[in-house]
Amino acid sequence: MSKAQIETHKSSRAGWLRAAVLGANDGTLSTASLVVGVTAAGAAQKNILLAGVASLVAGAMSMAAGEYVSVQSQAGVERAATA
């Protein structure tokens, strides 16, 4: 009998890149859409800037929490599959 080999794969490390690209695209589009909407409503420049910054912060927190849950779930599935 041969000893069991432990396989290591580097493809699992690429998940953060996919998440960063998708998150950046989503954040850019949603923030730009919000800023355009606030601008079209005739808001003052200060309020437009405030809405844009608030959108960036809220979007970043939302994406970070969602991605954390997603990565942890995927890691659990992979651990169960290899066990």
N, C-alpha and C. Protein backbone atom coordinates (compact mmCIF):
# COMPACT_ATOMS: atom_id res chain seq x y z
N MET A 1 0.83 -1.19 0.00
CA MET A 1 0.00 0.00 0.00
C MET A 1 0.87 1.25 0.00
N SER A 2 0.41 2.28 -0.67
CA SER A 2 1.16 3.52 -0.70
C SER A 2 0.58 4.50 0.31
N LYS A 3 1.42 5.41 0.73
CA LYS A 3 0.97 6.43 1.68
C LYS A 3 0.04 7.41 0.96
N ALA A 4 -0.92 7.91 1.71
CA ALA A 4 -1.83 8.90 1.15
C ALA A 4 -1.08 10.20 0.91
N GLN A 5 -1.32 10.78 -0.22
CA GLN A 5 -0.67 12.05 -0.54
C GLN A 5 -1.63 13.20 -0.29
N ILE A 6 -1.08 14.25 0.24
CA ILE A 6 -1.88 15.45 0.46
C ILE A 6 -1.68 16.35 -0.75
N GLU A 7 -2.77 16.66 -1.40
CA GLU A 7 -2.71 17.51 -2.58
C GLU A 7 -2.97 18.96 -2.19
N THR A 8 -2.20 19.83 -2.74
CA THR A 8 -2.44 21.26 -2.53
C THR A 8 -2.71 21.91 -3.88
N HIS A 9 -3.71 22.74 -3.89
CA HIS A 9 -4.09 23.43 -5.11
C HIS A 9 -4.08 24.93 -4.86
N LYS A 10 -3.49 25.67 -5.75
CA LYS A 10 -3.43 27.12 -5.61
C LYS A 10 -4.63 27.82 -6.21
N SER A 11 -5.48 27.10 -6.90
CA SER A 11 -6.63 27.74 -7.53
C SER A 11 -7.60 28.30 -6.51
N SER A 12 -7.61 27.76 -5.30
CA SER A 12 -8.52 28.27 -4.27
C SER A 12 -8.12 29.66 -3.81
N ARG A 13 -6.88 30.05 -4.06
CA ARG A 13 -6.42 31.38 -3.65
C ARG A 13 -6.91 32.48 -4.59
N ALA A 14 -7.42 32.12 -5.73
CA ALA A 14 -7.84 33.11 -6.72
C ALA A 14 -9.24 33.66 -6.43
N GLY A 15 -9.92 33.14 -5.45
CA GLY A 15 -11.27 33.59 -5.14
C GLY A 15 -11.35 35.05 -4.78
N TRP A 16 -10.35 35.55 -4.09
CA TRP A 16 -10.36 36.96 -3.70
C TRP A 16 -10.29 37.87 -4.92
N LEU A 17 -9.57 37.44 -5.95
CA LEU A 17 -9.46 38.26 -7.15
C LEU A 17 -10.81 38.36 -7.87
N ARG A 18 -11.47 37.25 -7.98
CA ARG A 18 -12.80 37.23 -8.60
C ARG A 18 -13.75 38.12 -7.82
N ALA A 19 -13.71 38.00 -6.50
CA ALA A 19 -14.59 38.81 -5.67
C ALA A 19 -14.26 40.29 -5.79
N ALA A 20 -12.99 40.62 -5.86
CA ALA A 20 -12.58 42.02 -5.97
C ALA A 20 -13.05 42.62 -7.29
N VAL A 21 -12.90 41.88 -8.37
CA VAL A 21 -13.30 42.39 -9.69
C VAL A 21 -14.81 42.55 -9.76
N LEU A 22 -15.54 41.54 -9.33
CA LEU A 22 -17.00 41.63 -9.37
C LEU A 22 -17.51 42.71 -8.43
N GLY A 23 -16.90 42.81 -7.25
CA GLY A 23 -17.31 43.83 -6.29
C GLY A 23 -17.03 45.23 -6.79
N ALA A 24 -15.88 45.41 -7.42
CA ALA A 24 -15.53 46.74 -7.96
C ALA A 24 -16.50 47.13 -9.07
N ASN A 25 -16.83 46.19 -9.94
CA ASN A 25 -17.78 46.49 -11.02
C ASN A 25 -19.16 46.83 -10.46
N ASP A 26 -19.61 46.04 -9.50
CA ASP A 26 -20.91 46.27 -8.90
C ASP A 26 -20.93 47.60 -8.16
N GLY A 27 -19.89 47.86 -7.38
CA GLY A 27 -19.83 49.10 -6.61
C GLY A 27 -19.76 50.33 -7.49
N THR A 28 -18.98 50.25 -8.54
CA THR A 28 -18.85 51.39 -9.45
C THR A 28 -20.18 51.71 -10.11
N LEU A 29 -20.86 50.69 -10.57
CA LEU A 29 -22.14 50.89 -11.26
C LEU A 29 -23.21 51.42 -10.30
N SER A 30 -23.32 50.81 -9.13
CA SER A 30 -24.37 51.24 -8.21
C SER A 30 -24.10 52.64 -7.66
N THR A 31 -22.84 52.96 -7.35
CA THR A 31 -22.52 54.30 -6.84
C THR A 31 -22.72 55.35 -7.93
N ALA A 32 -22.28 55.06 -9.14
CA ALA A 32 -22.47 56.01 -10.23
C ALA A 32 -23.95 56.24 -10.49
N SER A 33 -24.74 55.18 -10.43
CA SER A 33 -26.18 55.32 -10.65
C SER A 33 -26.82 56.18 -9.57
N LEU A 34 -26.40 55.99 -8.34
CA LEU A 34 -26.94 56.78 -7.24
C LEU A 34 -26.57 58.26 -7.41
N VAL A 35 -25.31 58.51 -7.74
CA VAL A 35 -24.86 59.90 -7.91
C VAL A 35 -25.60 60.56 -9.07
N VAL A 36 -25.80 59.86 -10.15
CA VAL A 36 -26.55 60.42 -11.28
C VAL A 36 -27.99 60.74 -10.86
N GLY A 37 -28.59 59.84 -10.12
CA GLY A 37 -29.96 60.08 -9.65
C GLY A 37 -30.07 61.27 -8.73
N VAL A 38 -29.13 61.40 -7.79
CA VAL A 38 -29.14 62.53 -6.87
C VAL A 38 -28.88 63.83 -7.62
N THR A 39 -27.97 63.78 -8.59
CA THR A 39 -27.68 64.96 -9.40
C THR A 39 -28.91 65.37 -10.21
N ALA A 40 -29.57 64.40 -10.81
CA ALA A 40 -30.76 64.68 -11.61
C ALA A 40 -31.89 65.27 -10.77
N ALA A 41 -31.90 64.96 -9.48
CA ALA A 41 -32.93 65.50 -8.59
C ALA A 41 -32.65 66.96 -8.23
N GLY A 42 -31.48 67.46 -8.63
CA GLY A 42 -31.16 68.86 -8.40
C GLY A 42 -30.53 69.13 -7.05
N ALA A 43 -29.91 68.15 -6.44
CA ALA A 43 -29.29 68.33 -5.13
C ALA A 43 -28.05 69.21 -5.24
N ALA A 44 -27.69 69.80 -4.12
CA ALA A 44 -26.48 70.63 -4.06
C ALA A 44 -25.25 69.74 -4.20
N GLN A 45 -24.16 70.35 -4.64
CA GLN A 45 -22.92 69.59 -4.86
C GLN A 45 -22.45 68.88 -3.59
N LYS A 46 -22.59 69.53 -2.45
CA LYS A 46 -22.20 68.93 -1.17
C LYS A 46 -23.02 67.67 -0.88
N ASN A 47 -24.30 67.74 -1.16
CA ASN A 47 -25.17 66.59 -0.92
C ASN A 47 -24.90 65.44 -1.91
N ILE A 48 -24.54 65.79 -3.12
CA ILE A 48 -24.18 64.76 -4.11
C ILE A 48 -22.94 64.01 -3.65
N LEU A 49 -21.93 64.77 -3.20
CA LEU A 49 -20.70 64.16 -2.69
C LEU A 49 -20.98 63.29 -1.47
N LEU A 50 -21.80 63.78 -0.56
CA LEU A 50 -22.15 63.02 0.64
C LEU A 50 -22.86 61.72 0.28
N ALA A 51 -23.78 61.79 -0.66
CA ALA A 51 -24.50 60.58 -1.09
C ALA A 51 -23.55 59.58 -1.73
N GLY A 52 -22.60 60.06 -2.54
CA GLY A 52 -21.63 59.17 -3.17
C GLY A 52 -20.74 58.48 -2.16
N VAL A 53 -20.23 59.24 -1.18
CA VAL A 53 -19.37 58.64 -0.15
C VAL A 53 -20.15 57.65 0.70
N ALA A 54 -21.37 58.01 1.07
CA ALA A 54 -22.20 57.09 1.86
C ALA A 54 -22.47 55.80 1.09
N SER A 55 -22.70 55.93 -0.20
CA SER A 55 -22.93 54.75 -1.04
C SER A 55 -21.70 53.86 -1.10
N LEU A 56 -20.52 54.48 -1.22
CA LEU A 56 -19.28 53.70 -1.26
C LEU A 56 -19.07 52.93 0.04
N VAL A 57 -19.27 53.59 1.17
CA VAL A 57 -19.07 52.95 2.47
C VAL A 57 -20.08 51.82 2.68
N ALA A 58 -21.35 52.10 2.41
CA ALA A 58 -22.38 51.08 2.59
C ALA A 58 -22.16 49.89 1.65
N GLY A 59 -21.80 50.17 0.42
CA GLY A 59 -21.55 49.10 -0.55
C GLY A 59 -20.36 48.25 -0.16
N ALA A 60 -19.31 48.89 0.32
CA ALA A 60 -18.11 48.15 0.74
C ALA A 60 -18.42 47.23 1.91
N MET A 61 -19.16 47.75 2.88
CA MET A 61 -19.51 46.92 4.04
C MET A 61 -20.41 45.75 3.64
N SER A 62 -21.35 46.01 2.77
CA SER A 62 -22.26 44.97 2.31
C SER A 62 -21.52 43.88 1.53
N MET A 63 -20.67 44.31 0.61
CA MET A 63 -19.92 43.34 -0.18
C MET A 63 -18.96 42.53 0.69
N ALA A 64 -18.32 43.17 1.64
CA ALA A 64 -17.39 42.47 2.51
C ALA A 64 -18.11 41.41 3.34
N ALA A 65 -19.24 41.76 3.91
CA ALA A 65 -20.00 40.79 4.71
C ALA A 65 -20.50 39.64 3.84
N GLY A 66 -21.03 39.95 2.67
CA GLY A 66 -21.52 38.91 1.77
C GLY A 66 -20.42 37.99 1.29
N GLU A 67 -19.28 38.56 0.96
CA GLU A 67 -18.16 37.74 0.48
C GLU A 67 -17.60 36.87 1.60
N TYR A 68 -17.55 37.41 2.82
CA TYR A 68 -17.06 36.62 3.95
C TYR A 68 -17.93 35.38 4.15
N VAL A 69 -19.24 35.57 4.14
CA VAL A 69 -20.16 34.44 4.30
C VAL A 69 -19.99 33.45 3.15
N SER A 70 -19.86 33.96 1.93
CA SER A 70 -19.69 33.10 0.77
C SER A 70 -18.41 32.27 0.85
N VAL A 71 -17.30 32.92 1.21
CA VAL A 71 -16.02 32.21 1.30
C VAL A 71 -16.06 31.16 2.41
N GLN A 72 -16.64 31.51 3.55
CA GLN A 72 -16.72 30.54 4.64
C GLN A 72 -17.59 29.35 4.27
N SER A 73 -18.67 29.59 3.57
CA SER A 73 -19.54 28.49 3.12
C SER A 73 -18.81 27.59 2.14
N GLN A 74 -18.11 28.19 1.19
CA GLN A 74 -17.36 27.41 0.20
C GLN A 74 -16.26 26.61 0.87
N ALA A 75 -15.59 27.20 1.83
CA ALA A 75 -14.52 26.49 2.55
C ALA A 75 -15.10 25.28 3.30
N GLY A 76 -16.27 25.45 3.88
CA GLY A 76 -16.91 24.34 4.57
C GLY A 76 -17.28 23.21 3.63
N VAL A 77 -17.78 23.56 2.47
CA VAL A 77 -18.12 22.55 1.46
C VAL A 77 -16.87 21.81 1.01
N GLU A 78 -15.79 22.54 0.77
CA GLU A 78 -14.54 21.90 0.33
C GLU A 78 -13.95 21.00 1.42
N ARG A 79 -14.02 21.45 2.67
CA ARG A 79 -13.54 20.60 3.78
C ARG A 79 -14.35 19.31 3.87
N ALA A 80 -15.67 19.44 3.73
CA ALA A 80 -16.52 18.25 3.80
C ALA A 80 -16.25 17.32 2.62
N ALA A 81 -15.98 17.88 1.46
CA ALA A 81 -15.73 17.05 0.28
C ALA A 81 -14.41 16.31 0.38
N THR A 82 -13.42 16.92 0.99
CA THR A 82 -12.12 16.26 1.10
C THR A 82 -12.03 15.30 2.27
N ALA A 83 -12.98 15.43 3.23
CA ALA A 83 -12.95 14.54 4.41
C ALA A 83 -13.40 13.13 4.08
